[in-house]
PDB file of N, CA and C in Angstrom:
ATOM      1  N   MET A   1      87.038 127.376  87.212  1.00  0.00           N
ATOM      2  CA  MET A   1      87.512 126.554  86.104  1.00  0.00           C
ATOM      3  C   MET A   1      88.742 125.790  86.560  1.00  0.00           C
ATOM      4  N   SER A   2      88.767 124.490  86.327  1.00  0.00           N
ATOM      5  CA  SER A   2      89.912 123.682  86.747  1.00  0.00           C
ATOM      6  C   SER A   2      91.108 123.929  85.844  1.00  0.00           C
ATOM      7  N   ASP A   3      92.277 123.524  86.342  1.00  0.00           N
ATOM      8  CA  ASP A   3      93.486 123.640  85.535  1.00  0.00           C
ATOM      9  C   ASP A   3      93.350 122.875  84.227  1.00  0.00           C
ATOM     10  N   LEU A   4      92.685 121.718  84.284  1.00  0.00           N
ATOM     11  CA  LEU A   4      92.527 120.925  83.065  1.00  0.00           C
ATOM     12  C   LEU A   4      91.729 121.684  82.021  1.00  0.00           C
ATOM     13  N   ASN A   5      90.629 122.312  82.438  1.00  0.00           N
ATOM     14  CA  ASN A   5      89.823 123.074  81.494  1.00  0.00           C
ATOM     15  C   ASN A   5      90.552 124.311  81.017  1.00  0.00           C
ATOM     16  N   ALA A   6      91.247 124.979  81.907  1.00  0.00           N
ATOM     17  CA  ALA A   6      91.947 126.212  81.542  1.00  0.00           C
ATOM     18  C   ALA A   6      93.011 125.938  80.489  1.00  0.00           C
ATOM     19  N   GLN A   7      93.604 124.750  80.526  1.00  0.00           N
ATOM     20  CA  GLN A   7      94.653 124.419  79.565  1.00  0.00           C
ATOM     21  C   GLN A   7      94.111 123.667  78.359  1.00  0.00           C
ATOM     22  N   ASN A   8      92.793 123.462  78.324  1.00  0.00           N
ATOM     23  CA  ASN A   8      92.151 122.758  77.221  1.00  0.00           C
ATOM     24  C   ASN A   8      92.779 121.390  76.979  1.00  0.00           C
ATOM     25  N   ILE A   9      92.980 120.668  78.061  1.00  0.00           N
ATOM     26  CA  ILE A   9      93.555 119.329  77.972  1.00  0.00           C
ATOM     27  C   ILE A   9      92.424 118.327  78.131  1.00  0.00           C
ATOM     28  N   THR A  10      92.314 117.427  77.187  1.00  0.00           N
ATOM     29  CA  THR A  10      91.234 116.456  77.265  1.00  0.00           C
ATOM     30  C   THR A  10      91.639 115.204  78.031  1.00  0.00           C
ATOM     31  N   ASN A  11      92.900 114.848  78.027  1.00  0.00           N
ATOM     32  CA  ASN A  11      93.378 113.666  78.736  1.00  0.00           C
ATOM     33  C   ASN A  11      94.030 114.104  80.038  1.00  0.00           C
ATOM     34  N   PRO A  12      93.471 113.747  81.190  1.00  0.00           N
ATOM     35  CA  PRO A  12      94.054 114.191  82.451  1.00  0.00           C
ATOM     36  C   PRO A  12      95.465 113.669  82.671  1.00  0.00           C
ATOM     37  N   TYR A  13      95.839 112.553  82.046  1.00  0.00           N
ATOM     38  CA  TYR A  13      97.179 112.032  82.211  1.00  0.00           C
ATOM     39  C   TYR A  13      98.208 112.953  81.566  1.00  0.00           C
ATOM     40  N   ASN A  14      97.849 113.653  80.503  1.00  0.00           N
ATOM     41  CA  ASN A  14      98.766 114.606  79.894  1.00  0.00           C
ATOM     42  C   ASN A  14      99.103 115.720  80.875  1.00  0.00           C
ATOM     43  N   HIS A  15      98.133 116.151  81.662  1.00  0.00           N
ATOM     44  CA  HIS A  15      98.359 117.199  82.647  1.00  0.00           C
ATOM     45  C   HIS A  15      99.373 116.742  83.682  1.00  0.00           C
ATOM     46  N   MET A  16      99.259 115.508  84.148  1.00  0.00           N
ATOM     47  CA  MET A  16     100.195 115.008  85.145  1.00  0.00           C
ATOM     48  C   MET A  16     101.596 114.931  84.575  1.00  0.00           C
ATOM     49  N   MET A  17     101.704 114.501  83.355  1.00  0.00           N
ATOM     50  CA  MET A  17     103.013 114.369  82.747  1.00  0.00           C
ATOM     51  C   MET A  17     103.669 115.718  82.556  1.00  0.00           C
ATOM     52  N   ALA A  18     102.881 116.775  82.472  1.00  0.00           N
ATOM     53  CA  ALA A  18     103.426 118.104  82.302  1.00  0.00           C
ATOM     54  C   ALA A  18     104.026 118.625  83.604  1.00  0.00           C
ATOM     55  N   ASP A  19     103.668 118.053  84.745  1.00  0.00           N
ATOM     56  CA  ASP A  19     104.180 118.474  86.037  1.00  0.00           C
ATOM     57  C   ASP A  19     105.228 117.473  86.500  1.00  0.00           C
ATOM     58  N   PRO A  20     106.510 117.830  86.404  1.00  0.00           N
ATOM     59  CA  PRO A  20     107.568 116.877  86.743  1.00  0.00           C
ATOM     60  C   PRO A  20     107.649 116.541  88.231  1.00  0.00           C
ATOM     61  N   THR A  21     106.930 117.271  89.076  1.00  0.00           N
ATOM     62  CA  THR A  21     106.981 116.968  90.505  1.00  0.00           C
ATOM     63  C   THR A  21     106.014 115.865  90.901  1.00  0.00           C
ATOM     64  N   ILE A  22     105.119 115.493  90.011  1.00  0.00           N
ATOM     65  CA  ILE A  22     104.159 114.428  90.297  1.00  0.00           C
ATOM     66  C   ILE A  22     104.693 113.123  89.715  1.00  0.00           C
ATOM     67  N   TRP A  23     104.898 112.160  90.597  1.00  0.00           N
ATOM     68  CA  TRP A  23     105.324 110.840  90.153  1.00  0.00           C
ATOM     69  C   TRP A  23     104.109 110.090  89.633  1.00  0.00           C
ATOM     70  N   ARG A  24     104.342 109.150  88.739  1.00  0.00           N
ATOM     71  CA  ARG A  24     103.253 108.363  88.171  1.00  0.00           C
ATOM     72  C   ARG A  24     103.494 106.888  88.462  1.00  0.00           C
ATOM     73  N   LEU A  25     102.496 106.245  89.039  1.00  0.00           N
ATOM     74  CA  LEU A  25     102.559 104.816  89.294  1.00  0.00           C
ATOM     75  C   LEU A  25     101.605 104.131  88.329  1.00  0.00           C
ATOM     76  N   TYR A  26     102.179 103.447  87.352  1.00  0.00           N
ATOM     77  CA  TYR A  26     101.375 102.734  86.367  1.00  0.00           C
ATOM     78  C   TYR A  26     101.039 101.349  86.903  1.00  0.00           C
ATOM     79  N   GLY A  27      99.773 100.999  86.840  1.00  0.00           N
ATOM     80  CA  GLY A  27      99.302  99.711  87.318  1.00  0.00           C
ATOM     81  C   GLY A  27      97.912  99.452  86.777  1.00  0.00           C
ATOM     82  N   THR A  28      97.167  98.580  87.449  1.00  0.00           N
ATOM     83  CA  THR A  28      95.800  98.311  87.054  1.00  0.00           C
ATOM     84  C   THR A  28      95.031  97.740  88.236  1.00  0.00           C
ATOM     85  N   VAL A  29      93.730  97.768  88.140  1.00  0.00           N
ATOM     86  CA  VAL A  29      92.858  97.280  89.191  1.00  0.00           C
ATOM     87  C   VAL A  29      93.071  95.772  89.368  1.00  0.00           C
ATOM     88  N   GLY A  30      93.151  95.337  90.611  1.00  0.00           N
ATOM     89  CA  GLY A  30      93.292  93.923  90.897  1.00  0.00           C
ATOM     90  C   GLY A  30      94.720  93.408  90.879  1.00  0.00           C
ATOM     91  N   CYS A  31      95.668  94.272  90.649  1.00  0.00           N
ATOM     92  CA  CYS A  31      97.083  93.884  90.615  1.00  0.00           C
ATOM     93  C   CYS A  31      97.641  93.974  92.037  1.00  0.00           C
ATOM     94  N   HIS A  32      97.933  92.826  92.654  1.00  0.00           N
ATOM     95  CA  HIS A  32      98.398  92.857  94.042  1.00  0.00           C
ATOM     96  C   HIS A  32      99.777  93.494  94.164  1.00  0.00           C
ATOM     97  N   LEU A  33     100.615  93.386  93.168  1.00  0.00           N
ATOM     98  CA  LEU A  33     101.911  94.055  93.211  1.00  0.00           C
ATOM     99  C   LEU A  33     101.744  95.578  93.145  1.00  0.00           C
ATOM    100  N   CYS A  34     100.738  96.031  92.400  1.00  0.00           N
ATOM    101  CA  CYS A  34     100.453  97.463  92.320  1.00  0.00           C
ATOM    102  C   CYS A  34      99.986  97.989  93.680  1.00  0.00           C
ATOM    103  N   GLU A  35      99.203  97.182  94.386  1.00  0.00           N
ATOM    104  CA  GLU A  35      98.757  97.565  95.728  1.00  0.00           C
ATOM    105  C   GLU A  35      99.938  97.679  96.680  1.00  0.00           C
ATOM    106  N   ILE A  36     100.899  96.777  96.557  1.00  0.00           N
ATOM    107  CA  ILE A  36     102.104  96.848  97.380  1.00  0.00           C
ATOM    108  C   ILE A  36     102.883  98.123  97.054  1.00  0.00           C
ATOM    109  N   ALA A  37     103.013  98.434  95.770  1.00  0.00           N
ATOM    110  CA  ALA A  37     103.730  99.640  95.358  1.00  0.00           C
ATOM    111  C   ALA A  37     103.038 100.896  95.894  1.00  0.00           C
ATOM    112  N   GLU A  38     101.706 100.927  95.857  1.00  0.00           N
ATOM    113  CA  GLU A  38     100.971 102.071  96.412  1.00  0.00           C
ATOM    114  C   GLU A  38     101.219 102.188  97.909  1.00  0.00           C
ATOM    115  N   SER A  39     101.262 101.080  98.597  1.00  0.00           N
ATOM    116  CA  SER A  39     101.538 101.087 100.030  1.00  0.00           C
ATOM    117  C   SER A  39     102.929 101.656 100.310  1.00  0.00           C
ATOM    118  N   LEU A  40     103.904 101.288  99.510  1.00  0.00           N
ATOM    119  CA  LEU A  40     105.253 101.832  99.670  1.00  0.00           C
ATOM    120  C   LEU A  40     105.254 103.341  99.478  1.00  0.00           C
ATOM    121  N   LEU A  41     104.513 103.812  98.490  1.00  0.00           N
ATOM    122  CA  LEU A  41     104.451 105.253  98.243  1.00  0.00           C
ATOM    123  C   LEU A  41     103.766 105.988  99.400  1.00  0.00           C
ATOM    124  N   ARG A  42     102.724 105.403  99.952  1.00  0.00           N
ATOM    125  CA  ARG A  42     102.057 106.024 101.110  1.00  0.00           C
ATOM    126  C   ARG A  42     103.009 106.082 102.308  1.00  0.00           C
ATOM    127  N   GLN A  43     103.786 105.036 102.509  1.00  0.00           N
ATOM    128  CA  GLN A  43     104.773 105.034 103.594  1.00  0.00           C
ATOM    129  C   GLN A  43     105.812 106.136 103.367  1.00  0.00           C
ATOM    130  N   ALA A  44     106.272 106.260 102.149  1.00  0.00           N
ATOM    131  CA  ALA A  44     107.265 107.281 101.831  1.00  0.00           C
ATOM    132  C   ALA A  44     106.674 108.683 102.007  1.00  0.00           C
ATOM    133  N   GLN A  45     105.406 108.849 101.662  1.00  0.00           N
ATOM    134  CA  GLN A  45     104.738 110.144 101.807  1.00  0.00           C
ATOM    135  C   GLN A  45     104.667 110.591 103.258  1.00  0.00           C
ATOM    136  N   ALA A  46     104.673 109.647 104.177  1.00  0.00           N
ATOM    137  CA  ALA A  46     104.592 109.989 105.594  1.00  0.00           C
ATOM    138  C   ALA A  46     105.835 110.728 106.069  1.00  0.00           C
ATOM    139  N   VAL A  47     106.952 110.576 105.372  1.00  0.00           N
ATOM    140  CA  VAL A  47     108.191 111.209 105.805  1.00  0.00           C
ATOM    141  C   VAL A  47     108.836 112.106 104.745  1.00  0.00           C
ATOM    142  N   ALA A  48     108.294 112.127 103.554  1.00  0.00           N
ATOM    143  CA  ALA A  48     108.877 112.937 102.475  1.00  0.00           C
ATOM    144  C   ALA A  48     107.763 113.619 101.688  1.00  0.00           C
ATOM    145  N   ASP A  49     108.101 114.734 101.078  1.00  0.00           N
ATOM    146  CA  ASP A  49     107.140 115.490 100.269  1.00  0.00           C
ATOM    147  C   ASP A  49     107.072 114.862  98.884  1.00  0.00           C
ATOM    148  N   ILE A  50     106.216 113.856  98.773  1.00  0.00           N
ATOM    149  CA  ILE A  50     106.064 113.112  97.525  1.00  0.00           C
ATOM    150  C   ILE A  50     104.629 113.282  97.039  1.00  0.00           C
ATOM    151  N   ARG A  51     104.492 113.648  95.773  1.00  0.00           N
ATOM    152  CA  ARG A  51     103.168 113.696  95.142  1.00  0.00           C
ATOM    153  C   ARG A  51     103.177 112.660  94.035  1.00  0.00           C
ATOM    154  N   TRP A  52     102.144 111.821  94.036  1.00  0.00           N
ATOM    155  CA  TRP A  52     102.080 110.763  93.030  1.00  0.00           C
ATOM    156  C   TRP A  52     100.646 110.517  92.634  1.00  0.00           C
ATOM    157  N   GLN A  53     100.503 109.893  91.494  1.00  0.00           N
ATOM    158  CA  GLN A  53      99.185 109.595  90.941  1.00  0.00           C
ATOM    159  C   GLN A  53      99.209 108.186  90.380  1.00  0.00           C
ATOM    160  N   SER A  54      98.226 107.400  90.746  1.00  0.00           N
ATOM    161  CA  SER A  54      98.070 106.070  90.145  1.00  0.00           C
ATOM    162  C   SER A  54      97.430 106.219  88.774  1.00  0.00           C
ATOM    163  N   ILE A  55      97.968 105.525  87.816  1.00  0.00           N
ATOM    164  CA  ILE A  55      97.422 105.538  86.467  1.00  0.00           C
ATOM    165  C   ILE A  55      97.091 104.105  86.080  1.00  0.00           C
ATOM    166  N   ASP A  56      95.834 103.868  85.791  1.00  0.00           N
ATOM    167  CA  ASP A  56      95.393 102.543  85.368  1.00  0.00           C
ATOM    168  C   ASP A  56      95.722 102.391  83.894  1.00  0.00           C
ATOM    169  N   ILE A  57      96.590 101.445  83.581  1.00  0.00           N
ATOM    170  CA  ILE A  57      97.018 101.302  82.190  1.00  0.00           C
ATOM    171  C   ILE A  57      95.867 100.898  81.276  1.00  0.00           C
ATOM    172  N   ALA A  58      94.804 100.336  81.845  1.00  0.00           N
ATOM    173  CA  ALA A  58      93.643  99.955  81.032  1.00  0.00           C
ATOM    174  C   ALA A  58      92.944 101.180  80.445  1.00  0.00           C
ATOM    175  N   GLU A  59      93.191 102.353  81.012  1.00  0.00           N
ATOM    176  CA  GLU A  59      92.569 103.581  80.532  1.00  0.00           C
ATOM    177  C   GLU A  59      93.465 104.353  79.561  1.00  0.00           C
ATOM    178  N   LEU A  60      94.641 103.833  79.296  1.00  0.00           N
ATOM    179  CA  LEU A  60      95.571 104.487  78.380  1.00  0.00           C
ATOM    180  C   LEU A  60      95.286 104.051  76.945  1.00  0.00           C
ATOM    181  N   PRO A  61      95.738 104.834  75.974  1.00  0.00           N
ATOM    182  CA  PRO A  61      95.661 104.367  74.587  1.00  0.00           C
ATOM    183  C   PRO A  61      96.403 103.032  74.456  1.00  0.00           C
ATOM    184  N   GLU A  62      95.953 102.195  73.555  1.00  0.00           N
ATOM    185  CA  GLU A  62      96.465 100.824  73.450  1.00  0.00           C
ATOM    186  C   GLU A  62      97.986 100.751  73.361  1.00  0.00           C
ATOM    187  N   GLN A  63      98.594 101.611  72.571  1.00  0.00           N
ATOM    188  CA  GLN A  63     100.051 101.558  72.404  1.00  0.00           C
ATOM    189  C   GLN A  63     100.765 101.825  73.732  1.00  0.00           C
ATOM    190  N   GLU A  64     100.272 102.805  74.505  1.00  0.00           N
ATOM    191  CA  GLU A  64     100.862 103.084  75.810  1.00  0.00           C
ATOM    192  C   GLU A  64     100.595 101.948  76.786  1.00  0.00           C
ATOM    193  N   MET A  65      99.377 101.401  76.750  1.00  0.00           N
ATOM    194  CA  MET A  65      99.031 100.302  77.636  1.00  0.00           C
ATOM    195  C   MET A  65      99.967  99.115  77.393  1.00  0.00           C
ATOM    196  N   LEU A  66     100.206  98.790  76.152  1.00  0.00           N
ATOM    197  CA  LEU A  66     101.067  97.660  75.828  1.00  0.00           C
ATOM    198  C   LEU A  66     102.501  97.887  76.286  1.00  0.00           C
ATOM    199  N   LYS A  67     102.915  99.136  76.323  1.00  0.00           N
ATOM    200  CA  LYS A  67     104.264  99.468  76.782  1.00  0.00           C
ATOM    201  C   LYS A  67     104.471  99.051  78.236  1.00  0.00           C
ATOM    202  N   PHE A  68     103.409  99.138  79.052  1.00  0.00           N
ATOM    203  CA  PHE A  68     103.513  98.836  80.476  1.00  0.00           C
ATOM    204  C   PHE A  68     102.917  97.482  80.863  1.00  0.00           C
ATOM    205  N   ALA A  69     102.161  96.856  80.002  1.00  0.00           N
ATOM    206  CA  ALA A  69     101.333  95.695  80.349  1.00  0.00           C
ATOM    207  C   ALA A  69     102.084  94.587  81.073  1.00  0.00           C
ATOM    208  N   ASP A  70     103.278  94.264  80.654  1.00  0.00           N
ATOM    209  CA  ASP A  70     104.007  93.158  81.287  1.00  0.00           C
ATOM    210  C   ASP A  70     105.051  93.624  82.288  1.00  0.00           C
ATOM    211  N   LYS A  71     104.965  94.910  82.673  1.00  0.00           N
ATOM    212  CA  LYS A  71     105.977  95.465  83.569  1.00  0.00           C
ATOM    213  C   LYS A  71     105.408  96.040  84.863  1.00  0.00           C
ATOM    214  N   ILE A  72     104.093  96.162  84.981  1.00  0.00           N
ATOM    215  CA  ILE A  72     103.505  96.855  86.127  1.00  0.00           C
ATOM    216  C   ILE A  72     103.749  96.107  87.431  1.00  0.00           C
ATOM    217  N   PRO A  73     103.847  96.866  88.507  1.00  0.00           N
ATOM    218  CA  PRO A  73     103.786  98.315  88.610  1.00  0.00           C
ATOM    219  C   PRO A  73     105.104  98.968  88.173  1.00  0.00           C
ATOM    220  N   VAL A  74     104.963 100.159  87.614  1.00  0.00           N
ATOM    221  CA  VAL A  74     106.102 100.948  87.169  1.00  0.00           C
ATOM    222  C   VAL A  74     105.955 102.339  87.782  1.00  0.00           C
ATOM    223  N   LEU A  75     106.988 102.802  88.457  1.00  0.00           N
ATOM    224  CA  LEU A  75     106.992 104.135  89.053  1.00  0.00           C
ATOM    225  C   LEU A  75     107.873 105.037  88.207  1.00  0.00           C
ATOM    226  N   VAL A  76     107.301 106.140  87.730  1.00  0.00           N
ATOM    227  CA  VAL A  76     108.016 107.046  86.840  1.00  0.00           C
ATOM    228  C   VAL A  76     108.088 108.425  87.485  1.00  0.00           C
ATOM    229  N   THR A  77     109.296 108.961  87.574  1.00  0.00           N
ATOM    230  CA  THR A  77     109.507 110.334  88.028  1.00  0.00           C
ATOM    231  C   THR A  77     110.059 111.121  86.840  1.00  0.00           C
ATOM    232  N   ALA A  78     110.372 112.367  87.077  1.00  0.00           N
ATOM    233  CA  ALA A  78     110.915 113.198  85.994  1.00  0.00           C
ATOM    234  C   ALA A  78     112.264 112.675  85.502  1.00  0.00           C
ATOM    235  N   THR A  79     112.999 111.978  86.366  1.00  0.00           N
ATOM    236  CA  THR A  79     114.346 111.570  85.993  1.00  0.00           C
ATOM    237  C   THR A  79     114.610 110.068  86.067  1.00  0.00           C
ATOM    238  N   LYS A  80     113.720 109.306  86.691  1.00  0.00           N
ATOM    239  CA  LYS A  80     113.963 107.875  86.896  1.00  0.00           C
ATOM    240  C   LYS A  80     112.714 107.055  86.630  1.00  0.00           C
ATOM    241  N   THR A  81     112.923 105.803  86.303  1.00  0.00           N
ATOM    242  CA  THR A  81     111.845 104.831  86.180  1.00  0.00           C
ATOM    243  C   THR A  81     112.234 103.613  86.995  1.00  0.00           C
ATOM    244  N   LEU A  82     111.327 103.215  87.907  1.00  0.00           N
ATOM    245  CA  LEU A  82     111.548 102.011  88.709  1.00  0.00           C
ATOM    246  C   LEU A  82     110.556 100.945  88.270  1.00  0.00           C
ATOM    247  N   TYR A  83     111.071  99.782  87.987  1.00  0.00           N
ATOM    248  CA  TYR A  83     110.238  98.631  87.661  1.00  0.00           C
ATOM    249  C   TYR A  83     110.190  97.738  88.894  1.00  0.00           C
ATOM    250  N   TYR A  84     109.017  97.200  89.188  1.00  0.00           N
ATOM    251  CA  TYR A  84     108.879  96.342  90.346  1.00  0.00           C
ATOM    252  C   TYR A  84     109.668  95.059  90.119  1.00  0.00           C
ATOM    253  N   PRO A  85     110.360  94.549  91.128  1.00  0.00           N
ATOM    254  CA  PRO A  85     110.242  94.896  92.532  1.00  0.00           C
ATOM    255  C   PRO A  85     111.137  96.076  92.909  1.00  0.00           C
ATOM    256  N   PHE A  86     110.573  96.980  93.719  1.00  0.00           N
ATOM    257  CA  PHE A  86     111.361  98.044  94.331  1.00  0.00           C
ATOM    258  C   PHE A  86     110.947  98.139  95.790  1.00  0.00           C
ATOM    259  N   SER A  87     111.836  98.710  96.591  1.00  0.00           N
ATOM    260  CA  SER A  87     111.634  98.756  98.034  1.00  0.00           C
ATOM    261  C   SER A  87     111.363 100.189  98.488  1.00  0.00           C
ATOM    262  N   ILE A  88     111.050 100.321  99.755  1.00  0.00           N
ATOM    263  CA  ILE A  88     110.862 101.652 100.336  1.00  0.00           C
ATOM    264  C   ILE A  88     112.157 102.453 100.211  1.00  0.00           C
ATOM    265  N   MET A  89     113.287 101.799 100.330  1.00  0.00           N
ATOM    266  CA  MET A  89     114.574 102.491 100.192  1.00  0.00           C
ATOM    267  C   MET A  89     114.766 103.006  98.767  1.00  0.00           C
ATOM    268  N   ASP A  90     114.341 102.241  97.786  1.00  0.00           N
ATOM    269  CA  ASP A  90     114.410 102.692  96.388  1.00  0.00           C
ATOM    270  C   ASP A  90     113.536 103.925  96.176  1.00  0.00           C
ATOM    271  N   VAL A  91     112.338 103.890  96.750  1.00  0.00           N
ATOM    272  CA  VAL A  91     111.406 105.017  96.617  1.00  0.00           C
ATOM    273  C   VAL A  91     111.981 106.246  97.315  1.00  0.00           C
ATOM    274  N   MET A  92     112.498 106.070  98.527  1.00  0.00           N
ATOM    275  CA  MET A  92     113.053 107.209  99.277  1.00  0.00           C
ATOM    276  C   MET A  92     114.270 107.801  98.559  1.00  0.00           C
ATOM    277  N   ALA A  93     115.027 106.988  97.872  1.00  0.00           N
ATOM    278  CA  ALA A  93     116.189 107.490  97.135  1.00  0.00           C
ATOM    279  C   ALA A  93     115.782 108.438  96.008  1.00  0.00           C
ATOM    280  N   LEU A  94     114.542 108.336  95.560  1.00  0.00           N
ATOM    281  CA  LEU A  94     114.045 109.216  94.505  1.00  0.00           C
ATOM    282  C   LEU A  94     113.638 110.592  95.022  1.00  0.00           C
ATOM    283  N   SER A  95     113.326 110.671  96.311  1.00  0.00           N
ATOM    284  CA  SER A  95     112.785 111.933  96.847  1.00  0.00           C
ATOM    285  C   SER A  95     113.876 112.939  97.150  1.00  0.00           C
TER     286      SER A  95
END
């Protein structure tokens, strides 16, 4: 049984939000800035213990989607939120 089933969580994004060690990158398919942000996170992962999950805002409830729609990509950690543009140095400062 997966953790999601064991906790009776229907929305997988709620599970991620419950784990403060997993960063969330809000974006959407076809967003070239989101692809750049993912590349920065992969680069940072090569040298730091970073766990992150891409979240497609199109799959969020409308109110949440609208919150991010004109700001993506947005990187959210337990303590900080970075709005693009951000650099590899900004990402590393979070780790």
